[in-house]
Amino acid sequence: MNDSYLEVTFRHGRPIAAYYYLPRRSKDRSHRTRRVEPGLVIDFTRDGKPIGIEIIAPDKLTLAAFNRVLRELSFPVLKRADLAPLMAA
């Protein structure tokens, strides 16, 4: 998978969790995690490659906080429209 994408889980029309998939190989699996920013958890492979960001508190997420994490990981930042499904409810 070469593209990043957002997957959102809803309950009663409200987002309760989300996962932002980072580019990865199909065999990559999470080996360790690191909590960052309130409500965000980064998943890393055994060799330390970031493969995704868990959004465990969607109601607390800001675009600025998410983009800080992406910059730290050397990934391109998002636009507000990229997180629209999460912010819409």
Protein backbone atom coordinates (compact mmCIF):
# COMPACT_ATOMS: atom_id res chain seq x y z
CA MET A 1 0.00 0.00 0.00
CA ASN A 2 1.71 3.16 -1.18
CA ASP A 3 -0.86 5.77 -0.23
CA SER A 4 -1.98 7.07 3.13
CA TYR A 5 -5.68 6.97 3.94
CA LEU A 6 -8.08 7.52 6.81
CA GLU A 7 -10.51 4.91 8.15
CA VAL A 8 -13.18 6.11 10.60
CA THR A 9 -15.43 4.04 12.88
CA PHE A 10 -18.79 5.62 13.71
CA ARG A 11 -21.40 4.83 16.34
CA HIS A 12 -24.77 6.59 16.29
CA GLY A 13 -23.43 9.02 13.68
CA ARG A 14 -20.41 10.08 15.74
CA PRO A 15 -16.78 9.09 15.15
CA ILE A 16 -15.53 6.94 18.04
CA ALA A 17 -12.12 5.98 16.62
CA ALA A 18 -10.07 6.28 13.48
CA TYR A 19 -6.87 5.00 11.95
CA TYR A 20 -4.62 6.87 9.54
CA TYR A 21 -2.75 4.30 7.46
CA LEU A 22 0.73 5.35 6.37
CA PRO A 23 2.45 3.84 3.32
CA ARG A 24 3.52 0.28 4.11
CA ARG A 25 4.21 -3.13 2.66
CA SER A 26 1.44 -5.71 2.94
CA LYS A 27 3.52 -7.81 5.36
CA ASP A 28 4.24 -4.91 7.77
CA ARG A 29 2.73 -5.43 11.24
CA SER A 30 2.68 -3.30 14.36
CA HIS A 31 5.39 -4.33 16.81
CA ARG A 32 5.39 -1.39 19.21
CA THR A 33 3.41 1.79 19.80
CA ARG A 34 4.12 5.26 21.10
CA ARG A 35 1.53 7.64 22.56
CA VAL A 36 1.77 11.21 21.32
CA GLU A 37 -0.49 14.24 21.49
CA PRO A 38 -3.66 13.61 23.43
CA GLY A 39 -5.54 10.78 21.77
CA LEU A 40 -2.95 9.68 19.20
CA VAL A 41 -0.91 6.46 19.12
CA ILE A 42 1.73 5.73 16.46
CA ASP A 43 2.24 2.12 15.36
CA PHE A 44 5.76 1.04 14.36
CA THR A 45 7.13 -2.09 12.70
CA ARG A 46 9.86 -4.18 14.32
CA ASP A 47 12.48 -2.13 12.48
CA GLY A 48 10.98 1.19 13.64
CA LYS A 49 9.10 2.24 10.51
CA PRO A 50 5.84 4.12 11.30
CA ILE A 51 2.89 2.38 9.64
CA GLY A 52 -0.14 4.12 11.09
CA ILE A 53 -1.62 6.51 13.60
CA GLU A 54 -4.48 5.46 15.85
CA ILE A 55 -6.89 8.28 16.66
CA ILE A 56 -8.47 7.17 19.92
CA ALA A 57 -10.05 10.51 20.85
CA PRO A 58 -11.46 11.95 17.61
CA ASP A 59 -13.39 14.65 19.48
CA LYS A 60 -10.11 16.08 20.80
CA LEU A 61 -8.17 15.94 17.54
CA THR A 62 -7.02 19.13 15.83
CA LEU A 63 -5.48 19.44 12.40
CA ALA A 64 -2.49 21.26 13.91
CA ALA A 65 -1.79 18.44 16.39
CA PHE A 66 -2.11 15.76 13.71
CA ASN A 67 0.17 17.67 11.35
CA ARG A 68 2.79 18.05 14.12
CA VAL A 69 2.93 14.27 14.37
CA LEU A 70 3.14 13.84 10.59
CA ARG A 71 6.00 16.36 10.41
CA GLU A 72 7.82 14.55 13.21
CA LEU A 73 7.53 11.34 11.18
CA SER A 74 8.65 13.13 7.97
CA PHE A 75 5.32 12.68 6.17
CA PRO A 76 3.43 15.38 4.24
CA VAL A 77 0.92 17.36 6.27
CA LEU A 78 -2.82 17.15 5.67
CA LYS A 79 -5.39 19.74 4.67
CA ARG A 80 -8.59 20.24 6.63
CA ALA A 81 -10.50 18.41 3.87
CA ASP A 82 -8.38 15.28 4.45
CA LEU A 83 -9.79 14.97 7.98
CA ALA A 84 -13.31 16.10 7.03
CA PRO A 85 -14.96 12.70 7.68
CA LEU A 86 -13.63 12.81 11.22
CA MET A 87 -14.57 16.42 11.88
CA ALA A 88 -18.02 16.30 10.23
CA ALA A 89 -20.01 14.63 12.96
